[in-house]
Amino acid sequence: AGAGAGDGDGELPELPPRDGNTRLGPLAEFIGFHLRLAQDASFRAFANRAGVRRLRPGRFAAMMVIHNNPGISHSELSRAIARDKSSVTPLVRELASDGLVKRLKSRRDGRSISLTLTRQGETMLRRLLAHAADHDRRLDEIVGPAKSEFIRLLRKIVDGLA
């Protein structure tokens, strides 16, 4: 699963050369390696299309989940986007410093923080959503009629490894 993973700083690793001369060894047959390459390629294409500074994996998903669940806690957000809390905290801090997310003491539990998008966050999310819809149409073209089966297999992987 970690095969092909970046070094954790939010930067994506370079794709391996496609010149046919680089030997990947067992990586050539590892599903996890190819999932990571596909994820990285998909994210790069989305980020390029959106043209947004500091766009990193998870940022769009976090903003969408916060939008759909105003007042969500860090823990709930972490579960929803399948990230550990230690990686969600800096993500939320960055979104807040960019003026996209408000952090408020929770009304339900004064010890936790609730998250909502700011007006600027809502505007950015609408912009990203338009790019995401275009990007998803491009992925639909690539995957073709096998989309339902492809998503079923991806979900099967998630369920089988959870």
N, C-alpha and C. Protein backbone atom coordinates (compact mmCIF):
# COMPACT_ATOMS: atom_id res chain seq x y z
N ALA A 1 0.82 -1.20 0.00
CA ALA A 1 0.00 0.00 0.00
C ALA A 1 0.85 1.24 0.00
N GLY A 2 2.01 1.22 0.73
CA GLY A 2 2.87 2.37 0.76
C GLY A 2 3.78 2.46 -0.44
N ALA A 3 3.80 1.44 -1.29
CA ALA A 3 4.69 1.45 -2.44
C ALA A 3 4.42 2.66 -3.30
N GLY A 4 5.47 3.40 -3.57
CA GLY A 4 5.33 4.57 -4.41
C GLY A 4 4.89 5.81 -3.65
N ALA A 5 4.78 5.71 -2.32
CA ALA A 5 4.31 6.85 -1.53
C ALA A 5 5.36 7.93 -1.50
N GLY A 6 4.88 9.17 -1.33
CA GLY A 6 5.78 10.30 -1.21
C GLY A 6 6.41 10.31 0.16
N ASP A 7 7.18 11.36 0.44
CA ASP A 7 7.88 11.41 1.71
C ASP A 7 7.07 12.08 2.81
N GLY A 8 5.78 12.34 2.55
CA GLY A 8 4.91 12.83 3.59
C GLY A 8 4.83 14.34 3.70
N ASP A 9 5.59 15.08 2.88
CA ASP A 9 5.55 16.54 2.98
C ASP A 9 4.51 17.17 2.09
N GLY A 10 3.65 16.37 1.48
CA GLY A 10 2.61 16.90 0.63
C GLY A 10 3.02 17.00 -0.82
N GLU A 11 4.32 16.85 -1.12
CA GLU A 11 4.78 16.89 -2.50
C GLU A 11 4.61 15.50 -3.11
N LEU A 12 4.22 15.48 -4.36
CA LEU A 12 4.04 14.20 -5.03
C LEU A 12 5.36 13.74 -5.64
N PRO A 13 5.64 12.43 -5.58
CA PRO A 13 6.88 11.93 -6.17
C PRO A 13 6.79 12.01 -7.69
N GLU A 14 7.93 12.08 -8.32
CA GLU A 14 7.97 12.06 -9.78
C GLU A 14 7.51 10.70 -10.28
N LEU A 15 6.80 10.70 -11.40
CA LEU A 15 6.41 9.44 -12.01
C LEU A 15 7.65 8.76 -12.57
N PRO A 16 7.69 7.41 -12.56
CA PRO A 16 8.84 6.74 -13.16
C PRO A 16 8.86 7.00 -14.66
N PRO A 17 10.04 7.05 -15.25
CA PRO A 17 10.11 7.30 -16.69
C PRO A 17 9.37 6.22 -17.46
N ARG A 18 8.76 6.62 -18.58
CA ARG A 18 8.00 5.68 -19.39
C ARG A 18 8.78 5.29 -20.63
N ASP A 19 10.11 5.27 -20.52
CA ASP A 19 10.93 4.98 -21.67
C ASP A 19 11.11 3.48 -21.91
N GLY A 20 10.59 2.67 -21.00
CA GLY A 20 10.69 1.23 -21.16
C GLY A 20 12.03 0.66 -20.74
N ASN A 21 12.97 1.51 -20.37
CA ASN A 21 14.30 1.04 -19.98
C ASN A 21 14.48 0.89 -18.48
N THR A 22 13.61 1.49 -17.71
CA THR A 22 13.73 1.42 -16.26
C THR A 22 13.08 0.15 -15.76
N ARG A 23 13.87 -0.65 -15.04
CA ARG A 23 13.36 -1.91 -14.50
C ARG A 23 12.72 -1.65 -13.14
N LEU A 24 11.47 -2.00 -13.01
CA LEU A 24 10.74 -1.81 -11.76
C LEU A 24 10.77 -3.04 -10.88
N GLY A 25 11.21 -4.16 -11.41
CA GLY A 25 11.21 -5.39 -10.62
C GLY A 25 9.80 -5.76 -10.22
N PRO A 26 9.63 -6.27 -9.00
CA PRO A 26 8.29 -6.68 -8.56
C PRO A 26 7.26 -5.55 -8.54
N LEU A 27 7.71 -4.28 -8.48
CA LEU A 27 6.76 -3.17 -8.48
C LEU A 27 5.85 -3.20 -9.70
N ALA A 28 6.37 -3.70 -10.80
CA ALA A 28 5.59 -3.72 -12.04
C ALA A 28 4.29 -4.50 -11.89
N GLU A 29 4.22 -5.41 -10.93
CA GLU A 29 3.03 -6.22 -10.73
C GLU A 29 2.30 -5.90 -9.42
N PHE A 30 2.76 -4.93 -8.66
CA PHE A 30 2.11 -4.58 -7.39
C PHE A 30 0.93 -3.66 -7.64
N ILE A 31 -0.25 -4.09 -7.23
CA ILE A 31 -1.45 -3.27 -7.38
C ILE A 31 -1.29 -1.95 -6.63
N GLY A 32 -0.76 -2.01 -5.42
CA GLY A 32 -0.59 -0.79 -4.62
C GLY A 32 0.26 0.25 -5.32
N PHE A 33 1.32 -0.18 -5.99
CA PHE A 33 2.19 0.74 -6.72
C PHE A 33 1.41 1.42 -7.85
N HIS A 34 0.63 0.64 -8.59
CA HIS A 34 -0.14 1.20 -9.70
C HIS A 34 -1.29 2.08 -9.21
N LEU A 35 -1.88 1.73 -8.07
CA LEU A 35 -2.90 2.61 -7.48
C LEU A 35 -2.29 3.96 -7.15
N ARG A 36 -1.09 3.94 -6.57
CA ARG A 36 -0.43 5.19 -6.19
C ARG A 36 -0.08 6.01 -7.43
N LEU A 37 0.45 5.36 -8.47
CA LEU A 37 0.77 6.08 -9.71
C LEU A 37 -0.49 6.71 -10.30
N ALA A 38 -1.59 5.96 -10.30
CA ALA A 38 -2.84 6.48 -10.85
C ALA A 38 -3.34 7.65 -10.01
N GLN A 39 -3.26 7.52 -8.68
CA GLN A 39 -3.69 8.59 -7.79
C GLN A 39 -2.84 9.84 -8.02
N ASP A 40 -1.53 9.67 -8.10
CA ASP A 40 -0.64 10.81 -8.31
C ASP A 40 -0.91 11.48 -9.66
N ALA A 41 -1.08 10.68 -10.72
CA ALA A 41 -1.36 11.25 -12.04
C ALA A 41 -2.70 11.99 -12.03
N SER A 42 -3.69 11.40 -11.40
CA SER A 42 -5.01 12.03 -11.32
C SER A 42 -4.92 13.35 -10.56
N PHE A 43 -4.22 13.35 -9.43
CA PHE A 43 -4.12 14.57 -8.64
C PHE A 43 -3.36 15.65 -9.39
N ARG A 44 -2.25 15.28 -10.04
CA ARG A 44 -1.48 16.28 -10.81
C ARG A 44 -2.36 16.93 -11.87
N ALA A 45 -3.12 16.11 -12.60
CA ALA A 45 -3.98 16.64 -13.66
C ALA A 45 -5.04 17.57 -13.06
N PHE A 46 -5.63 17.20 -11.94
CA PHE A 46 -6.63 18.03 -11.26
C PHE A 46 -6.01 19.35 -10.79
N ALA A 47 -4.86 19.28 -10.14
CA ALA A 47 -4.19 20.47 -9.64
C ALA A 47 -3.82 21.40 -10.79
N ASN A 48 -3.32 20.84 -11.88
CA ASN A 48 -2.96 21.67 -13.03
C ASN A 48 -4.20 22.34 -13.62
N ARG A 49 -5.29 21.59 -13.73
CA ARG A 49 -6.53 22.14 -14.28
C ARG A 49 -7.07 23.26 -13.39
N ALA A 50 -7.02 23.04 -12.07
CA ALA A 50 -7.56 24.02 -11.13
C ALA A 50 -6.66 25.25 -11.01
N GLY A 51 -5.35 25.06 -11.19
CA GLY A 51 -4.42 26.17 -11.09
C GLY A 51 -4.41 26.83 -9.73
N VAL A 52 -4.60 26.03 -8.68
CA VAL A 52 -4.69 26.58 -7.32
C VAL A 52 -3.35 26.37 -6.60
N ARG A 53 -2.85 27.46 -6.04
CA ARG A 53 -1.61 27.43 -5.26
C ARG A 53 -1.82 26.56 -4.01
N ARG A 54 -0.82 25.80 -3.67
CA ARG A 54 -0.82 24.95 -2.47
C ARG A 54 -1.93 23.89 -2.46
N LEU A 55 -2.39 23.49 -3.63
CA LEU A 55 -3.39 22.43 -3.67
C LEU A 55 -2.68 21.11 -3.45
N ARG A 56 -3.10 20.39 -2.45
CA ARG A 56 -2.49 19.10 -2.12
C ARG A 56 -3.59 18.06 -2.00
N PRO A 57 -3.20 16.78 -2.11
CA PRO A 57 -4.21 15.74 -1.93
C PRO A 57 -4.90 15.89 -0.57
N GLY A 58 -6.18 15.71 -0.55
CA GLY A 58 -6.95 15.78 0.69
C GLY A 58 -7.59 17.13 0.94
N ARG A 59 -7.04 18.19 0.37
CA ARG A 59 -7.55 19.54 0.62
C ARG A 59 -8.98 19.70 0.09
N PHE A 60 -9.19 19.31 -1.16
CA PHE A 60 -10.52 19.41 -1.77
C PHE A 60 -11.51 18.52 -1.01
N ALA A 61 -11.10 17.29 -0.72
CA ALA A 61 -11.98 16.36 0.00
C ALA A 61 -12.35 16.91 1.38
N ALA A 62 -11.36 17.45 2.09
CA ALA A 62 -11.63 18.01 3.42
C ALA A 62 -12.62 19.17 3.31
N MET A 63 -12.41 20.05 2.34
CA MET A 63 -13.31 21.19 2.19
C MET A 63 -14.72 20.73 1.84
N MET A 64 -14.85 19.72 0.99
CA MET A 64 -16.17 19.22 0.61
C MET A 64 -16.88 18.60 1.82
N VAL A 65 -16.16 17.84 2.61
CA VAL A 65 -16.76 17.22 3.80
C VAL A 65 -17.16 18.28 4.82
N ILE A 66 -16.32 19.29 5.02
CA ILE A 66 -16.66 20.37 5.95
C ILE A 66 -17.89 21.12 5.45
N HIS A 67 -17.94 21.39 4.14
CA HIS A 67 -19.11 22.07 3.55
C HIS A 67 -20.39 21.27 3.80
N ASN A 68 -20.33 19.97 3.60
CA ASN A 68 -21.51 19.12 3.75
C ASN A 68 -21.84 18.80 5.20
N ASN A 69 -20.92 19.12 6.12
CA ASN A 69 -21.11 18.81 7.54
C ASN A 69 -20.62 19.97 8.40
N PRO A 70 -21.26 21.15 8.28
CA PRO A 70 -20.79 22.29 9.07
C PRO A 70 -20.78 21.94 10.56
N GLY A 71 -19.68 22.31 11.22
CA GLY A 71 -19.55 22.00 12.64
C GLY A 71 -18.87 20.67 12.90
N ILE A 72 -18.38 20.01 11.86
CA ILE A 72 -17.73 18.72 12.02
C ILE A 72 -16.45 18.88 12.86
N SER A 73 -16.12 17.85 13.62
CA SER A 73 -14.91 17.89 14.44
C SER A 73 -13.72 17.36 13.63
N HIS A 74 -12.52 17.60 14.14
CA HIS A 74 -11.31 17.06 13.51
C HIS A 74 -11.40 15.54 13.38
N SER A 75 -11.86 14.89 14.46
CA SER A 75 -11.93 13.43 14.46
C SER A 75 -12.90 12.91 13.42
N GLU A 76 -14.06 13.55 13.33
CA GLU A 76 -15.06 13.13 12.33
C GLU A 76 -14.52 13.37 10.92
N LEU A 77 -13.85 14.49 10.70
CA LEU A 77 -13.26 14.78 9.40
C LEU A 77 -12.19 13.74 9.06
N SER A 78 -11.38 13.44 10.02
CA SER A 78 -10.32 12.44 9.82
C SER A 78 -10.90 11.10 9.37
N ARG A 79 -11.97 10.66 10.02
CA ARG A 79 -12.61 9.39 9.62
C ARG A 79 -13.23 9.50 8.23
N ALA A 80 -13.87 10.62 7.95
CA ALA A 80 -14.58 10.78 6.67
C ALA A 80 -13.64 10.78 5.48
N ILE A 81 -12.43 11.35 5.63
CA ILE A 81 -11.51 11.39 4.49
C ILE A 81 -10.40 10.35 4.61
N ALA A 82 -10.56 9.44 5.58
CA ALA A 82 -9.65 8.30 5.77
C ALA A 82 -8.19 8.76 5.95
N ARG A 83 -8.01 9.73 6.82
CA ARG A 83 -6.67 10.21 7.16
C ARG A 83 -6.54 10.17 8.68
N ASP A 84 -5.32 9.91 9.16
CA ASP A 84 -5.16 9.92 10.61
C ASP A 84 -5.16 11.37 11.09
N LYS A 85 -5.53 11.53 12.35
CA LYS A 85 -5.72 12.88 12.90
C LYS A 85 -4.43 13.70 12.82
N SER A 86 -3.27 13.02 12.89
CA SER A 86 -2.01 13.75 12.84
C SER A 86 -1.77 14.40 11.48
N SER A 87 -2.39 13.90 10.42
CA SER A 87 -2.24 14.56 9.12
C SER A 87 -3.40 15.53 8.85
N VAL A 88 -4.54 15.34 9.52
CA VAL A 88 -5.67 16.24 9.35
C VAL A 88 -5.43 17.56 10.08
N THR A 89 -4.79 17.51 11.23
CA THR A 89 -4.55 18.73 12.00
C THR A 89 -3.75 19.77 11.21
N PRO A 90 -2.60 19.40 10.59
CA PRO A 90 -1.89 20.42 9.80
C PRO A 90 -2.69 20.86 8.56
N LEU A 91 -3.47 19.96 7.98
CA LEU A 91 -4.30 20.32 6.84
C LEU A 91 -5.32 21.38 7.25
N VAL A 92 -6.00 21.17 8.37
CA VAL A 92 -6.99 22.13 8.86
C VAL A 92 -6.31 23.45 9.23
N ARG A 93 -5.14 23.37 9.85
CA ARG A 93 -4.39 24.57 10.21
C ARG A 93 -4.07 25.39 8.95
N GLU A 94 -3.65 24.70 7.89
CA GLU A 94 -3.33 25.38 6.63
C GLU A 94 -4.59 26.00 6.00
N LEU A 95 -5.69 25.26 6.01
CA LEU A 95 -6.95 25.80 5.47
C LEU A 95 -7.39 27.03 6.25
N ALA A 96 -7.21 26.99 7.57
CA ALA A 96 -7.58 28.12 8.41
C ALA A 96 -6.66 29.32 8.14
N SER A 97 -5.36 29.07 8.02
CA SER A 97 -4.43 30.19 7.78
C SER A 97 -4.65 30.81 6.39
N ASP A 98 -5.19 30.02 5.46
CA ASP A 98 -5.52 30.55 4.13
C ASP A 98 -6.89 31.23 4.11
N GLY A 99 -7.57 31.25 5.26
CA GLY A 99 -8.87 31.92 5.35
C GLY A 99 -10.01 31.12 4.76
N LEU A 100 -9.84 29.81 4.63
CA LEU A 100 -10.86 28.97 4.00
C LEU A 100 -11.74 28.24 5.01
N VAL A 101 -11.23 28.06 6.22
CA VAL A 101 -11.95 27.32 7.26
C VAL A 101 -11.91 28.11 8.57
N LYS A 102 -13.04 28.09 9.28
CA LYS A 102 -13.12 28.66 10.64
C LYS A 102 -13.08 27.52 11.62
N ARG A 103 -12.29 27.71 12.68
CA ARG A 103 -12.24 26.76 13.79
C ARG A 103 -12.89 27.42 14.99
N LEU A 104 -13.95 26.80 15.50
CA LEU A 104 -14.67 27.34 16.65
C LEU A 104 -14.79 26.25 17.72
N LYS A 105 -14.88 26.69 18.98
CA LYS A 105 -15.14 25.71 20.04
C LYS A 105 -16.49 25.08 19.78
N SER A 106 -16.56 23.78 19.91
CA SER A 106 -17.79 23.05 19.65
C SER A 106 -18.85 23.41 20.68
N ARG A 107 -20.07 23.57 20.20
CA ARG A 107 -21.20 23.82 21.11
C ARG A 107 -21.58 22.53 21.84
N ARG A 108 -21.31 21.39 21.20
CA ARG A 108 -21.65 20.10 21.80
C ARG A 108 -20.67 19.71 22.88
N ASP A 109 -19.37 20.03 22.64
CA ASP A 109 -18.32 19.61 23.56
C ASP A 109 -17.27 20.71 23.57
N GLY A 110 -17.20 21.49 24.61
CA GLY A 110 -16.30 22.62 24.69
C GLY A 110 -14.83 22.28 24.52
N ARG A 111 -14.48 21.00 24.63
CA ARG A 111 -13.09 20.59 24.49
C ARG A 111 -12.69 20.40 23.03
N SER A 112 -13.66 20.19 22.14
CA SER A 112 -13.31 19.95 20.75
C SER A 112 -13.58 21.19 19.90
N ILE A 113 -13.04 21.15 18.71
CA ILE A 113 -13.15 22.26 17.76
C ILE A 113 -14.10 21.84 16.64
N SER A 114 -14.99 22.74 16.26
CA SER A 114 -15.87 22.46 15.13
C SER A 114 -15.36 23.28 13.93
N LEU A 115 -15.56 22.74 12.76
CA LEU A 115 -15.03 23.33 11.54
C LEU A 115 -16.15 23.74 10.60
N THR A 116 -16.03 24.92 10.03
CA THR A 116 -16.96 25.37 8.98
C THR A 116 -16.14 26.11 7.93
N LEU A 117 -16.66 26.14 6.72
CA LEU A 117 -15.99 26.91 5.67
C LEU A 117 -16.34 28.38 5.83
N THR A 118 -15.40 29.23 5.50
CA THR A 118 -15.65 30.67 5.45
C THR A 118 -16.29 30.98 4.09
N ARG A 119 -16.70 32.23 3.90
CA ARG A 119 -17.20 32.63 2.58
C ARG A 119 -16.16 32.38 1.51
N GLN A 120 -14.92 32.73 1.82
CA GLN A 120 -13.82 32.50 0.89
C GLN A 120 -13.66 31.00 0.62
N GLY A 121 -13.83 30.19 1.65
CA GLY A 121 -13.75 28.74 1.50
C GLY A 121 -14.86 28.21 0.60
N GLU A 122 -16.06 28.74 0.78
CA GLU A 122 -17.19 28.32 -0.06
C GLU A 122 -16.93 28.70 -1.53
N THR A 123 -16.38 29.89 -1.75
CA THR A 123 -16.07 30.33 -3.11
C THR A 123 -15.00 29.43 -3.72
N MET A 124 -13.95 29.14 -2.96
CA MET A 124 -12.88 28.26 -3.45
C MET A 124 -13.44 26.86 -3.73
N LEU A 125 -14.31 26.37 -2.86
CA LEU A 125 -14.87 25.04 -3.06
C LEU A 125 -15.70 24.99 -4.35
N ARG A 126 -16.50 26.00 -4.61
CA ARG A 126 -17.28 26.04 -5.86
C ARG A 126 -16.35 25.99 -7.07
N ARG A 127 -15.27 26.74 -7.00
CA ARG A 127 -14.29 26.75 -8.09
C ARG A 127 -13.66 25.37 -8.26
N LEU A 128 -13.23 24.77 -7.15
CA LEU A 128 -12.62 23.44 -7.22
C LEU A 128 -13.62 22.40 -7.71
N LEU A 129 -14.87 22.53 -7.29
CA LEU A 129 -15.90 21.57 -7.69
C LEU A 129 -16.12 21.60 -9.20
N ALA A 130 -16.09 22.78 -9.79
CA ALA A 130 -16.23 22.88 -11.25
C ALA A 130 -15.07 22.17 -11.94
N HIS A 131 -13.86 22.37 -11.43
CA HIS A 131 -12.69 21.68 -12.00
C HIS A 131 -12.76 20.18 -11.75
N ALA A 132 -13.25 19.79 -10.58
CA ALA A 132 -13.35 18.37 -10.25
C ALA A 132 -14.35 17.68 -11.18
N ALA A 133 -15.44 18.35 -11.50
CA ALA A 133 -16.43 17.76 -12.41
C ALA A 133 -15.82 17.56 -13.80
N ASP A 134 -15.07 18.56 -14.28
CA ASP A 134 -14.39 18.42 -15.57
C ASP A 134 -13.37 17.28 -15.52
N HIS A 135 -12.61 17.24 -14.43
CA HIS A 135 -11.59 16.21 -14.25
C HIS A 135 -12.24 14.82 -14.22
N ASP A 136 -13.36 14.71 -13.51
CA ASP A 136 -14.02 13.41 -13.41
C ASP A 136 -14.57 12.96 -14.77
N ARG A 137 -15.03 13.90 -15.58
CA ARG A 137 -15.46 13.55 -16.95
C ARG A 137 -14.29 12.99 -17.75
N ARG A 138 -13.10 13.57 -17.55
CA ARG A 138 -11.90 13.07 -18.24
C ARG A 138 -11.57 11.65 -17.77
N LEU A 139 -11.68 11.41 -16.47
CA LEU A 139 -11.45 10.05 -15.95
C LEU A 139 -12.49 9.09 -16.51
N ASP A 140 -13.74 9.55 -16.62
CA ASP A 140 -14.79 8.71 -17.22
C ASP A 140 -14.42 8.31 -18.64
N GLU A 141 -13.87 9.25 -19.41
CA GLU A 141 -13.45 8.95 -20.78
C GLU A 141 -12.34 7.90 -20.79
N ILE A 142 -11.42 8.01 -19.85
CA ILE A 142 -10.29 7.06 -19.79
C ILE A 142 -10.77 5.68 -19.40
N VAL A 143 -11.61 5.60 -18.36
CA VAL A 143 -12.06 4.30 -17.85
C VAL A 143 -13.14 3.70 -18.74
N GLY A 144 -13.97 4.55 -19.32
CA GLY A 144 -15.01 4.08 -20.23
C GLY A 144 -16.11 3.32 -19.53
N PRO A 145 -16.71 2.37 -20.25
CA PRO A 145 -17.87 1.65 -19.71
C PRO A 145 -17.55 0.77 -18.50
N ALA A 146 -16.26 0.62 -18.19
CA ALA A 146 -15.88 -0.22 -17.04
C ALA A 146 -15.92 0.56 -15.73
N LYS A 147 -16.44 1.80 -15.74
CA LYS A 147 -16.41 2.64 -14.54
C LYS A 147 -17.06 1.98 -13.33
N SER A 148 -18.26 1.45 -13.49
CA SER A 148 -18.95 0.84 -12.35
C SER A 148 -18.15 -0.32 -11.78
N GLU A 149 -17.59 -1.15 -12.64
CA GLU A 149 -16.78 -2.28 -12.19
C GLU A 149 -15.50 -1.78 -11.53
N PHE A 150 -14.89 -0.77 -12.10
CA PHE A 150 -13.65 -0.21 -11.55
C PHE A 150 -13.90 0.33 -10.14
N ILE A 151 -14.96 1.10 -9.97
CA ILE A 151 -15.30 1.63 -8.64
C ILE A 151 -15.63 0.49 -7.68
N ARG A 152 -16.34 -0.53 -8.17
CA ARG A 152 -16.66 -1.67 -7.32
C ARG A 152 -15.37 -2.34 -6.83
N LEU A 153 -14.40 -2.51 -7.72
CA LEU A 153 -13.13 -3.13 -7.33
C LEU A 153 -12.35 -2.25 -6.35
N LEU A 154 -12.34 -0.94 -6.58
CA LEU A 154 -11.66 -0.05 -5.64
C LEU A 154 -12.31 -0.12 -4.25
N ARG A 155 -13.64 -0.14 -4.22
CA ARG A 155 -14.34 -0.27 -2.93
C ARG A 155 -14.05 -1.61 -2.27
N LYS A 156 -13.94 -2.64 -3.09
CA LYS A 156 -13.61 -3.96 -2.57
C LYS A 156 -12.23 -3.95 -1.91
N ILE A 157 -11.29 -3.24 -2.52
CA ILE A 157 -9.96 -3.11 -1.93
C ILE A 157 -10.05 -2.40 -0.59
N VAL A 158 -10.78 -1.27 -0.57
CA VAL A 158 -10.92 -0.51 0.68
C VAL A 158 -11.57 -1.37 1.76
N ASP A 159 -12.66 -2.03 1.43
CA ASP A 159 -13.36 -2.87 2.41
C ASP A 159 -12.50 -4.04 2.87
N GLY A 160 -11.76 -4.62 1.94
CA GLY A 160 -10.93 -5.78 2.27
C GLY A 160 -9.72 -5.43 3.13
N LEU A 161 -9.28 -4.20 3.06
CA LEU A 161 -8.10 -3.80 3.82
C LEU A 161 -8.43 -2.98 5.07
N ALA A 162 -9.71 -2.62 5.22
CA ALA A 162 -10.10 -1.79 6.37
C ALA A 162 -10.10 -2.58 7.66
